[in-house]
Amino acid sequence: MDSMVTQDLVSVKCKPGTLDIFAYKMYHSFWCTAGIGRLIFSALFLAIGFATIGDIDWYLTVIVLFIGMLNVVVTPLLYLYQASKAANASIPITYTFRNDVIVANDGKNRVELPWSGLPLVVWMRKEMFIYTSAVEALVLPRRQMDGKDAEVLHAIETSSNPNRTVKCKVL
């Protein structure tokens, strides 16, 4: 008889706060070529807007400055509002990192995420993002891991998917 043993490597209970979700949204939006392009686009519009003060009609200057402010002011404020709403609606989730899957359990729902379906893990100074798809991630605040964050990182690095990228960032 061949039995498959699934060993619990580590288990943590996390509830991301507003700033954790905000950090994910900002990282996901601006830590890539398109995000850097958006910031350059905004800087260009701000430079043009400030350079044309008094040279063209005031309303055109205001429009150019507003376009320049979209990515550097409006987007972060919108993300902060969305993160606040998401944090207020969230409940604590217990994540169990096993040899074959990550089990997420909130007491009502239980989801098993196979290691092979996780394309990217971003390990930051205050939180960890486990991408489940190109646009969605689990947000785990490291301060809520009760000192088990090194064990969680080890579990992720030693899992069975050689194609997944683990990025450790000091941000």
N, C-alpha and C. Protein backbone atom coordinates (compact mmCIF):
# COMPACT_ATOMS: atom_id res chain seq x y z
N MET A 1 0.84 -1.16 0.00
CA MET A 1 0.00 0.00 0.00
C MET A 1 0.89 1.24 0.00
N ASP A 2 0.63 2.11 -0.94
CA ASP A 2 1.42 3.32 -1.10
C ASP A 2 0.62 4.50 -0.60
N SER A 3 1.02 5.04 0.52
CA SER A 3 0.28 6.18 1.07
C SER A 3 1.11 7.45 0.91
N MET A 4 0.41 8.52 0.60
CA MET A 4 1.07 9.81 0.41
C MET A 4 0.93 10.62 1.69
N VAL A 5 2.03 10.96 2.30
CA VAL A 5 2.02 11.72 3.54
C VAL A 5 2.17 13.19 3.19
N THR A 6 1.27 14.02 3.70
CA THR A 6 1.38 15.45 3.51
C THR A 6 1.73 16.07 4.86
N GLN A 7 2.93 16.54 4.95
CA GLN A 7 3.45 17.07 6.21
C GLN A 7 3.18 18.57 6.28
N ASP A 8 2.69 19.03 7.43
CA ASP A 8 2.53 20.46 7.67
C ASP A 8 3.90 21.03 7.98
N LEU A 9 4.38 21.90 7.11
CA LEU A 9 5.68 22.51 7.36
C LEU A 9 5.56 23.63 8.38
N VAL A 10 4.59 24.52 8.15
CA VAL A 10 4.40 25.64 9.06
C VAL A 10 2.99 26.19 8.85
N SER A 11 2.44 26.76 9.92
CA SER A 11 1.10 27.33 9.85
C SER A 11 1.11 28.70 10.51
N VAL A 12 0.51 29.69 9.81
CA VAL A 12 0.44 31.05 10.35
C VAL A 12 -0.97 31.59 10.14
N LYS A 13 -1.38 32.48 11.04
CA LYS A 13 -2.70 33.11 10.95
C LYS A 13 -2.49 34.60 10.69
N CYS A 14 -3.05 35.09 9.58
CA CYS A 14 -2.82 36.46 9.18
C CYS A 14 -4.12 37.15 8.77
N LYS A 15 -4.16 38.44 9.05
CA LYS A 15 -5.24 39.31 8.58
C LYS A 15 -4.57 40.59 8.11
N PRO A 16 -4.45 40.77 6.78
CA PRO A 16 -3.75 41.96 6.30
C PRO A 16 -4.50 43.23 6.65
N GLY A 17 -3.74 44.24 7.03
CA GLY A 17 -4.31 45.53 7.35
C GLY A 17 -4.33 46.44 6.14
N THR A 18 -4.80 47.64 6.34
CA THR A 18 -4.91 48.61 5.25
C THR A 18 -3.56 48.87 4.59
N LEU A 19 -2.53 49.10 5.39
CA LEU A 19 -1.22 49.41 4.81
C LEU A 19 -0.59 48.22 4.11
N ASP A 20 -0.89 47.00 4.55
CA ASP A 20 -0.38 45.80 3.87
C ASP A 20 -1.00 45.67 2.48
N ILE A 21 -2.30 45.85 2.40
CA ILE A 21 -2.99 45.76 1.11
C ILE A 21 -2.56 46.92 0.21
N PHE A 22 -2.40 48.11 0.80
CA PHE A 22 -1.93 49.27 0.04
C PHE A 22 -0.53 49.00 -0.53
N ALA A 23 0.35 48.41 0.27
CA ALA A 23 1.71 48.09 -0.20
C ALA A 23 1.65 47.13 -1.39
N TYR A 24 0.76 46.13 -1.32
CA TYR A 24 0.61 45.20 -2.45
C TYR A 24 0.14 45.94 -3.70
N LYS A 25 -0.87 46.78 -3.57
CA LYS A 25 -1.42 47.48 -4.73
C LYS A 25 -0.37 48.40 -5.35
N MET A 26 0.39 49.10 -4.53
CA MET A 26 1.43 49.98 -5.05
C MET A 26 2.55 49.17 -5.70
N TYR A 27 2.97 48.09 -5.05
CA TYR A 27 4.02 47.25 -5.63
C TYR A 27 3.57 46.69 -6.97
N HIS A 28 2.36 46.14 -6.99
CA HIS A 28 1.86 45.51 -8.21
C HIS A 28 1.72 46.52 -9.35
N SER A 29 1.36 47.75 -9.03
CA SER A 29 1.14 48.76 -10.07
C SER A 29 2.42 49.41 -10.57
N PHE A 30 3.38 49.63 -9.69
CA PHE A 30 4.51 50.46 -10.06
C PHE A 30 5.86 49.75 -10.10
N TRP A 31 5.95 48.47 -9.72
CA TRP A 31 7.23 47.79 -9.72
C TRP A 31 7.39 46.95 -10.99
N CYS A 32 7.26 47.58 -12.11
CA CYS A 32 7.44 46.91 -13.40
C CYS A 32 7.72 48.00 -14.43
N THR A 33 7.98 47.59 -15.65
CA THR A 33 8.29 48.54 -16.70
C THR A 33 7.11 49.47 -16.96
N ALA A 34 5.90 48.93 -16.99
CA ALA A 34 4.72 49.77 -17.23
C ALA A 34 4.52 50.77 -16.09
N GLY A 35 4.76 50.35 -14.87
CA GLY A 35 4.63 51.26 -13.73
C GLY A 35 5.65 52.37 -13.77
N ILE A 36 6.87 52.04 -14.11
CA ILE A 36 7.92 53.05 -14.22
C ILE A 36 7.58 54.00 -15.36
N GLY A 37 7.05 53.46 -16.46
CA GLY A 37 6.61 54.28 -17.58
C GLY A 37 5.51 55.25 -17.17
N ARG A 38 4.58 54.77 -16.33
CA ARG A 38 3.51 55.64 -15.84
C ARG A 38 4.07 56.79 -15.03
N LEU A 39 5.07 56.51 -14.20
CA LEU A 39 5.68 57.57 -13.39
C LEU A 39 6.44 58.57 -14.25
N ILE A 40 7.13 58.07 -15.26
CA ILE A 40 7.85 58.97 -16.18
C ILE A 40 6.85 59.83 -16.94
N PHE A 41 5.75 59.23 -17.39
CA PHE A 41 4.68 59.95 -18.08
C PHE A 41 4.15 61.07 -17.19
N SER A 42 3.91 60.78 -15.93
CA SER A 42 3.42 61.79 -14.99
C SER A 42 4.45 62.90 -14.79
N ALA A 43 5.71 62.52 -14.62
CA ALA A 43 6.76 63.52 -14.43
C ALA A 43 6.86 64.43 -15.64
N LEU A 44 6.72 63.87 -16.83
CA LEU A 44 6.77 64.66 -18.06
C LEU A 44 5.61 65.68 -18.09
N PHE A 45 4.41 65.22 -17.77
CA PHE A 45 3.27 66.13 -17.77
C PHE A 45 3.40 67.20 -16.69
N LEU A 46 3.91 66.82 -15.52
CA LEU A 46 4.11 67.82 -14.47
C LEU A 46 5.14 68.86 -14.89
N ALA A 47 6.22 68.41 -15.52
CA ALA A 47 7.25 69.35 -15.99
C ALA A 47 6.68 70.29 -17.04
N ILE A 48 5.91 69.75 -17.97
CA ILE A 48 5.29 70.60 -19.00
C ILE A 48 4.31 71.57 -18.36
N GLY A 49 3.52 71.09 -17.42
CA GLY A 49 2.55 71.95 -16.75
C GLY A 49 3.20 73.10 -16.01
N PHE A 50 4.25 72.80 -15.24
CA PHE A 50 4.91 73.87 -14.50
C PHE A 50 5.67 74.81 -15.43
N ALA A 51 6.20 74.27 -16.53
CA ALA A 51 6.94 75.12 -17.47
C ALA A 51 6.03 76.06 -18.24
N THR A 52 4.76 75.71 -18.37
CA THR A 52 3.85 76.54 -19.17
C THR A 52 2.97 77.46 -18.33
N ILE A 53 3.22 77.54 -17.04
CA ILE A 53 2.42 78.45 -16.20
C ILE A 53 2.63 79.88 -16.70
N GLY A 54 1.54 80.52 -17.07
CA GLY A 54 1.60 81.90 -17.55
C GLY A 54 1.81 82.03 -19.04
N ASP A 55 2.26 80.96 -19.71
CA ASP A 55 2.52 81.01 -21.14
C ASP A 55 1.30 80.63 -21.97
N ILE A 56 0.44 79.79 -21.44
CA ILE A 56 -0.76 79.36 -22.15
C ILE A 56 -1.95 79.63 -21.25
N ASP A 57 -3.14 79.38 -21.77
CA ASP A 57 -4.34 79.60 -20.97
C ASP A 57 -4.27 78.77 -19.69
N TRP A 58 -4.77 79.35 -18.59
CA TRP A 58 -4.67 78.72 -17.28
C TRP A 58 -5.35 77.36 -17.23
N TYR A 59 -6.47 77.20 -17.94
CA TYR A 59 -7.19 75.92 -17.87
C TYR A 59 -6.42 74.80 -18.57
N LEU A 60 -5.63 75.13 -19.60
CA LEU A 60 -4.79 74.10 -20.23
C LEU A 60 -3.67 73.66 -19.28
N THR A 61 -3.11 74.62 -18.56
CA THR A 61 -2.08 74.30 -17.57
C THR A 61 -2.66 73.40 -16.47
N VAL A 62 -3.86 73.72 -16.01
CA VAL A 62 -4.51 72.93 -14.97
C VAL A 62 -4.76 71.51 -15.47
N ILE A 63 -5.20 71.36 -16.71
CA ILE A 63 -5.46 70.03 -17.28
C ILE A 63 -4.17 69.23 -17.36
N VAL A 64 -3.11 69.84 -17.84
CA VAL A 64 -1.81 69.14 -17.95
C VAL A 64 -1.30 68.75 -16.56
N LEU A 65 -1.41 69.66 -15.59
CA LEU A 65 -0.98 69.34 -14.22
C LEU A 65 -1.84 68.23 -13.62
N PHE A 66 -3.13 68.24 -13.87
CA PHE A 66 -4.01 67.19 -13.36
C PHE A 66 -3.63 65.84 -13.96
N ILE A 67 -3.35 65.79 -15.25
CA ILE A 67 -2.94 64.53 -15.88
C ILE A 67 -1.63 64.04 -15.25
N GLY A 68 -0.73 64.98 -14.97
CA GLY A 68 0.53 64.62 -14.32
C GLY A 68 0.35 64.10 -12.91
N MET A 69 -0.69 64.57 -12.22
CA MET A 69 -0.94 64.16 -10.84
C MET A 69 -1.67 62.82 -10.73
N LEU A 70 -2.22 62.32 -11.81
CA LEU A 70 -3.01 61.09 -11.74
C LEU A 70 -2.24 59.93 -11.13
N ASN A 71 -1.03 59.65 -11.61
CA ASN A 71 -0.29 58.48 -11.13
C ASN A 71 0.44 58.72 -9.82
N VAL A 72 0.75 59.96 -9.51
CA VAL A 72 1.53 60.20 -8.29
C VAL A 72 0.70 60.64 -7.10
N VAL A 73 -0.53 61.07 -7.32
CA VAL A 73 -1.38 61.49 -6.20
C VAL A 73 -2.72 60.76 -6.22
N VAL A 74 -3.42 60.83 -7.33
CA VAL A 74 -4.77 60.27 -7.41
C VAL A 74 -4.76 58.75 -7.25
N THR A 75 -3.88 58.06 -7.97
CA THR A 75 -3.82 56.60 -7.89
C THR A 75 -3.50 56.11 -6.48
N PRO A 76 -2.47 56.64 -5.80
CA PRO A 76 -2.23 56.19 -4.42
C PRO A 76 -3.40 56.46 -3.48
N LEU A 77 -4.07 57.60 -3.63
CA LEU A 77 -5.23 57.89 -2.77
C LEU A 77 -6.37 56.90 -3.04
N LEU A 78 -6.59 56.58 -4.30
CA LEU A 78 -7.60 55.59 -4.66
C LEU A 78 -7.24 54.22 -4.10
N TYR A 79 -5.96 53.83 -4.21
CA TYR A 79 -5.51 52.55 -3.67
C TYR A 79 -5.65 52.51 -2.15
N LEU A 80 -5.38 53.62 -1.48
CA LEU A 80 -5.51 53.67 -0.03
C LEU A 80 -6.98 53.48 0.38
N TYR A 81 -7.87 54.10 -0.34
CA TYR A 81 -9.31 53.94 -0.08
C TYR A 81 -9.75 52.49 -0.31
N GLN A 82 -9.32 51.90 -1.43
CA GLN A 82 -9.67 50.51 -1.73
C GLN A 82 -9.08 49.56 -0.70
N ALA A 83 -7.85 49.82 -0.27
CA ALA A 83 -7.20 48.97 0.73
C ALA A 83 -7.92 49.06 2.06
N SER A 84 -8.37 50.23 2.42
CA SER A 84 -9.12 50.41 3.66
C SER A 84 -10.42 49.61 3.64
N LYS A 85 -11.14 49.68 2.54
CA LYS A 85 -12.38 48.92 2.41
C LYS A 85 -12.11 47.42 2.47
N ALA A 86 -11.06 46.96 1.77
CA ALA A 86 -10.73 45.53 1.76
C ALA A 86 -10.29 45.05 3.14
N ALA A 87 -9.51 45.85 3.84
CA ALA A 87 -9.03 45.45 5.17
C ALA A 87 -10.19 45.38 6.17
N ASN A 88 -11.13 46.29 6.07
CA ASN A 88 -12.28 46.27 6.97
C ASN A 88 -13.19 45.08 6.72
N ALA A 89 -13.21 44.59 5.48
CA ALA A 89 -14.07 43.46 5.14
C ALA A 89 -13.39 42.11 5.33
N SER A 90 -12.08 42.11 5.56
CA SER A 90 -11.36 40.83 5.64
C SER A 90 -11.46 40.21 7.04
N ILE A 91 -11.23 38.90 7.08
CA ILE A 91 -11.21 38.16 8.34
C ILE A 91 -9.89 37.40 8.41
N PRO A 92 -9.44 37.01 9.60
CA PRO A 92 -8.18 36.28 9.70
C PRO A 92 -8.23 34.94 8.95
N ILE A 93 -7.15 34.63 8.29
CA ILE A 93 -7.04 33.39 7.52
C ILE A 93 -5.82 32.63 8.03
N THR A 94 -5.99 31.33 8.24
CA THR A 94 -4.89 30.47 8.64
C THR A 94 -4.30 29.85 7.39
N TYR A 95 -3.00 30.09 7.17
CA TYR A 95 -2.29 29.53 6.02
C TYR A 95 -1.42 28.40 6.54
N THR A 96 -1.60 27.22 5.96
CA THR A 96 -0.78 26.08 6.30
C THR A 96 0.05 25.72 5.08
N PHE A 97 1.35 25.79 5.23
CA PHE A 97 2.27 25.50 4.12
C PHE A 97 2.68 24.04 4.24
N ARG A 98 2.17 23.21 3.32
CA ARG A 98 2.49 21.78 3.31
C ARG A 98 3.41 21.48 2.14
N ASN A 99 3.88 20.24 2.07
CA ASN A 99 4.78 19.85 1.00
C ASN A 99 4.15 19.96 -0.38
N ASP A 100 2.85 19.75 -0.47
CA ASP A 100 2.19 19.71 -1.78
C ASP A 100 1.33 20.93 -2.09
N VAL A 101 0.79 21.59 -1.07
CA VAL A 101 -0.11 22.72 -1.28
C VAL A 101 0.01 23.74 -0.15
N ILE A 102 -0.57 24.89 -0.40
CA ILE A 102 -0.81 25.87 0.66
C ILE A 102 -2.30 25.80 0.94
N VAL A 103 -2.68 25.60 2.19
CA VAL A 103 -4.08 25.53 2.57
C VAL A 103 -4.44 26.85 3.24
N ALA A 104 -5.46 27.53 2.69
CA ALA A 104 -5.97 28.77 3.27
C ALA A 104 -7.34 28.48 3.85
N ASN A 105 -7.50 28.74 5.16
CA ASN A 105 -8.74 28.39 5.84
C ASN A 105 -9.18 29.57 6.71
N ASP A 106 -10.39 30.08 6.44
CA ASP A 106 -10.89 31.19 7.24
C ASP A 106 -11.96 30.75 8.24
N GLY A 107 -12.14 29.47 8.40
CA GLY A 107 -13.15 28.95 9.31
C GLY A 107 -14.43 28.56 8.59
N LYS A 108 -14.74 29.22 7.49
CA LYS A 108 -15.92 28.89 6.69
C LYS A 108 -15.53 28.24 5.37
N ASN A 109 -14.49 28.77 4.75
CA ASN A 109 -14.03 28.27 3.46
C ASN A 109 -12.61 27.76 3.59
N ARG A 110 -12.33 26.71 2.82
CA ARG A 110 -10.99 26.11 2.82
C ARG A 110 -10.56 25.98 1.36
N VAL A 111 -9.40 26.53 1.03
CA VAL A 111 -8.90 26.50 -0.33
C VAL A 111 -7.50 25.89 -0.32
N GLU A 112 -7.25 24.99 -1.26
CA GLU A 112 -5.93 24.42 -1.41
C GLU A 112 -5.30 24.98 -2.68
N LEU A 113 -4.15 25.59 -2.51
CA LEU A 113 -3.43 26.18 -3.64
C LEU A 113 -2.19 25.33 -3.91
N PRO A 114 -2.17 24.61 -5.04
CA PRO A 114 -0.98 23.79 -5.34
C PRO A 114 0.24 24.67 -5.62
N TRP A 115 1.39 24.18 -5.22
CA TRP A 115 2.63 24.93 -5.43
C TRP A 115 2.85 25.24 -6.92
N SER A 116 2.42 24.35 -7.78
CA SER A 116 2.66 24.55 -9.21
C SER A 116 1.89 25.73 -9.78
N GLY A 117 0.85 26.20 -9.09
CA GLY A 117 0.06 27.31 -9.59
C GLY A 117 0.51 28.67 -9.09
N LEU A 118 1.60 28.73 -8.36
CA LEU A 118 2.07 30.00 -7.78
C LEU A 118 3.26 30.52 -8.59
N PRO A 119 3.04 31.52 -9.44
CA PRO A 119 4.12 31.97 -10.32
C PRO A 119 5.18 32.84 -9.66
N LEU A 120 4.82 33.56 -8.60
CA LEU A 120 5.75 34.53 -8.03
C LEU A 120 5.49 34.72 -6.55
N VAL A 121 6.56 34.84 -5.80
CA VAL A 121 6.48 35.18 -4.38
C VAL A 121 7.40 36.38 -4.18
N VAL A 122 6.86 37.43 -3.59
CA VAL A 122 7.65 38.63 -3.30
C VAL A 122 7.75 38.75 -1.79
N TRP A 123 8.96 38.69 -1.30
CA TRP A 123 9.26 38.71 0.14
C TRP A 123 9.80 40.08 0.46
N MET A 124 8.99 40.92 1.09
CA MET A 124 9.40 42.28 1.40
C MET A 124 9.70 42.42 2.89
N ARG A 125 10.11 43.60 3.30
CA ARG A 125 10.50 43.83 4.69
C ARG A 125 9.32 43.63 5.64
N LYS A 126 8.12 44.08 5.26
CA LYS A 126 6.98 44.01 6.17
C LYS A 126 5.89 43.02 5.75
N GLU A 127 5.87 42.62 4.48
CA GLU A 127 4.84 41.70 4.04
C GLU A 127 5.38 40.75 2.97
N MET A 128 4.58 39.72 2.72
CA MET A 128 4.91 38.74 1.69
C MET A 128 3.71 38.65 0.76
N PHE A 129 3.97 38.69 -0.55
CA PHE A 129 2.92 38.55 -1.55
C PHE A 129 3.12 37.23 -2.26
N ILE A 130 2.13 36.35 -2.18
CA ILE A 130 2.17 35.08 -2.89
C ILE A 130 1.19 35.21 -4.05
N TYR A 131 1.73 35.42 -5.25
CA TYR A 131 0.88 35.60 -6.42
C TYR A 131 0.24 34.27 -6.80
N THR A 132 -1.09 34.28 -6.90
CA THR A 132 -1.84 33.09 -7.33
C THR A 132 -2.15 33.17 -8.81
N SER A 133 -2.05 34.36 -9.39
CA SER A 133 -2.19 34.58 -10.83
C SER A 133 -1.39 35.83 -11.15
N ALA A 134 -1.50 36.28 -12.39
CA ALA A 134 -0.73 37.46 -12.79
C ALA A 134 -1.21 38.74 -12.10
N VAL A 135 -2.46 38.75 -11.63
CA VAL A 135 -3.01 39.98 -11.05
C VAL A 135 -3.55 39.82 -9.63
N GLU A 136 -3.44 38.64 -9.04
CA GLU A 136 -3.95 38.41 -7.69
C GLU A 136 -2.87 37.79 -6.82
N ALA A 137 -2.89 38.18 -5.55
CA ALA A 137 -1.90 37.64 -4.63
C ALA A 137 -2.48 37.53 -3.23
N LEU A 138 -1.93 36.61 -2.47
CA LEU A 138 -2.22 36.53 -1.04
C LEU A 138 -1.27 37.51 -0.36
N VAL A 139 -1.79 38.30 0.55
CA VAL A 139 -0.97 39.28 1.27
C VAL A 139 -0.83 38.79 2.70
N LEU A 140 0.39 38.46 3.10
CA LEU A 140 0.65 37.97 4.46
C LEU A 140 1.59 38.94 5.17
N PRO A 141 1.09 39.66 6.17
CA PRO A 141 1.96 40.55 6.94
C PRO A 141 2.97 39.74 7.75
N ARG A 142 4.24 40.06 7.63
CA ARG A 142 5.28 39.31 8.33
C ARG A 142 5.19 39.50 9.84
N ARG A 143 4.69 40.63 10.32
CA ARG A 143 4.59 40.87 11.76
C ARG A 143 3.58 39.93 12.42
N GLN A 144 2.70 39.32 11.64
CA GLN A 144 1.69 38.41 12.17
C GLN A 144 2.12 36.95 12.08
N MET A 145 3.32 36.69 11.63
CA MET A 145 3.79 35.31 11.45
C MET A 145 4.42 34.73 12.71
N ASP A 146 4.43 35.45 13.80
CA ASP A 146 4.95 34.98 15.08
C ASP A 146 6.35 34.38 14.98
N GLY A 147 7.22 35.04 14.22
CA GLY A 147 8.59 34.57 14.10
C GLY A 147 8.78 33.37 13.19
N LYS A 148 7.73 32.97 12.49
CA LYS A 148 7.83 31.81 11.59
C LYS A 148 8.11 32.23 10.14
N ASP A 149 8.46 33.50 9.92
CA ASP A 149 8.64 33.96 8.55
C ASP A 149 9.80 33.28 7.83
N ALA A 150 10.88 32.95 8.55
CA ALA A 150 11.99 32.23 7.92
C ALA A 150 11.55 30.82 7.51
N GLU A 151 10.72 30.18 8.34
CA GLU A 151 10.20 28.85 8.00
C GLU A 151 9.29 28.91 6.78
N VAL A 152 8.47 29.95 6.70
CA VAL A 152 7.58 30.12 5.54
C VAL A 152 8.41 30.31 4.28
N LEU A 153 9.42 31.17 4.33
CA LEU A 153 10.29 31.39 3.17
C LEU A 153 10.98 30.10 2.77
N HIS A 154 11.46 29.33 3.73
CA HIS A 154 12.10 28.05 3.43
C HIS A 154 11.12 27.09 2.76
N ALA A 155 9.88 27.04 3.24
CA ALA A 155 8.87 26.18 2.64
C ALA A 155 8.60 26.57 1.20
N ILE A 156 8.56 27.87 0.94
CA ILE A 156 8.31 28.34 -0.42
C ILE A 156 9.49 28.03 -1.33
N GLU A 157 10.69 28.27 -0.84
CA GLU A 157 11.88 28.04 -1.67
C GLU A 157 12.12 26.56 -1.96
N THR A 158 11.70 25.67 -1.07
CA THR A 158 11.95 24.24 -1.27
C THR A 158 10.76 23.50 -1.87
N SER A 159 9.71 24.23 -2.26
CA SER A 159 8.55 23.56 -2.86
C SER A 159 8.90 23.06 -4.25
N SER A 160 7.96 22.33 -4.84
CA SER A 160 8.26 21.55 -6.03
C SER A 160 8.23 22.30 -7.35
N ASN A 161 8.07 23.61 -7.38
CA ASN A 161 7.98 24.32 -8.66
C ASN A 161 9.28 25.07 -8.96
N PRO A 162 10.11 24.55 -9.87
CA PRO A 162 11.36 25.24 -10.18
C PRO A 162 11.16 26.49 -11.02
N ASN A 163 9.97 26.69 -11.62
CA ASN A 163 9.73 27.84 -12.48
C ASN A 163 9.25 29.07 -11.72
N ARG A 164 8.91 28.93 -10.44
CA ARG A 164 8.44 30.06 -9.66
C ARG A 164 9.63 30.92 -9.25
N THR A 165 9.42 32.20 -9.25
CA THR A 165 10.44 33.14 -8.85
C THR A 165 10.16 33.60 -7.42
N VAL A 166 11.19 33.63 -6.60
CA VAL A 166 11.08 34.20 -5.26
C VAL A 166 11.97 35.43 -5.23
N LYS A 167 11.34 36.58 -5.07
CA LYS A 167 12.09 37.84 -5.03
C LYS A 167 12.11 38.33 -3.60
N CYS A 168 13.29 38.58 -3.09
CA CYS A 168 13.42 39.15 -1.75
C CYS A 168 13.78 40.62 -1.92
N LYS A 169 12.92 41.49 -1.46
CA LYS A 169 13.12 42.93 -1.61
C LYS A 169 13.22 43.57 -0.24
N VAL A 170 14.04 44.57 -0.13
CA VAL A 170 14.14 45.30 1.12
C VAL A 170 13.49 46.66 0.88
N LEU A 171 12.18 46.70 1.01
CA LEU A 171 11.41 47.94 0.81
C LEU A 171 10.59 48.21 2.04
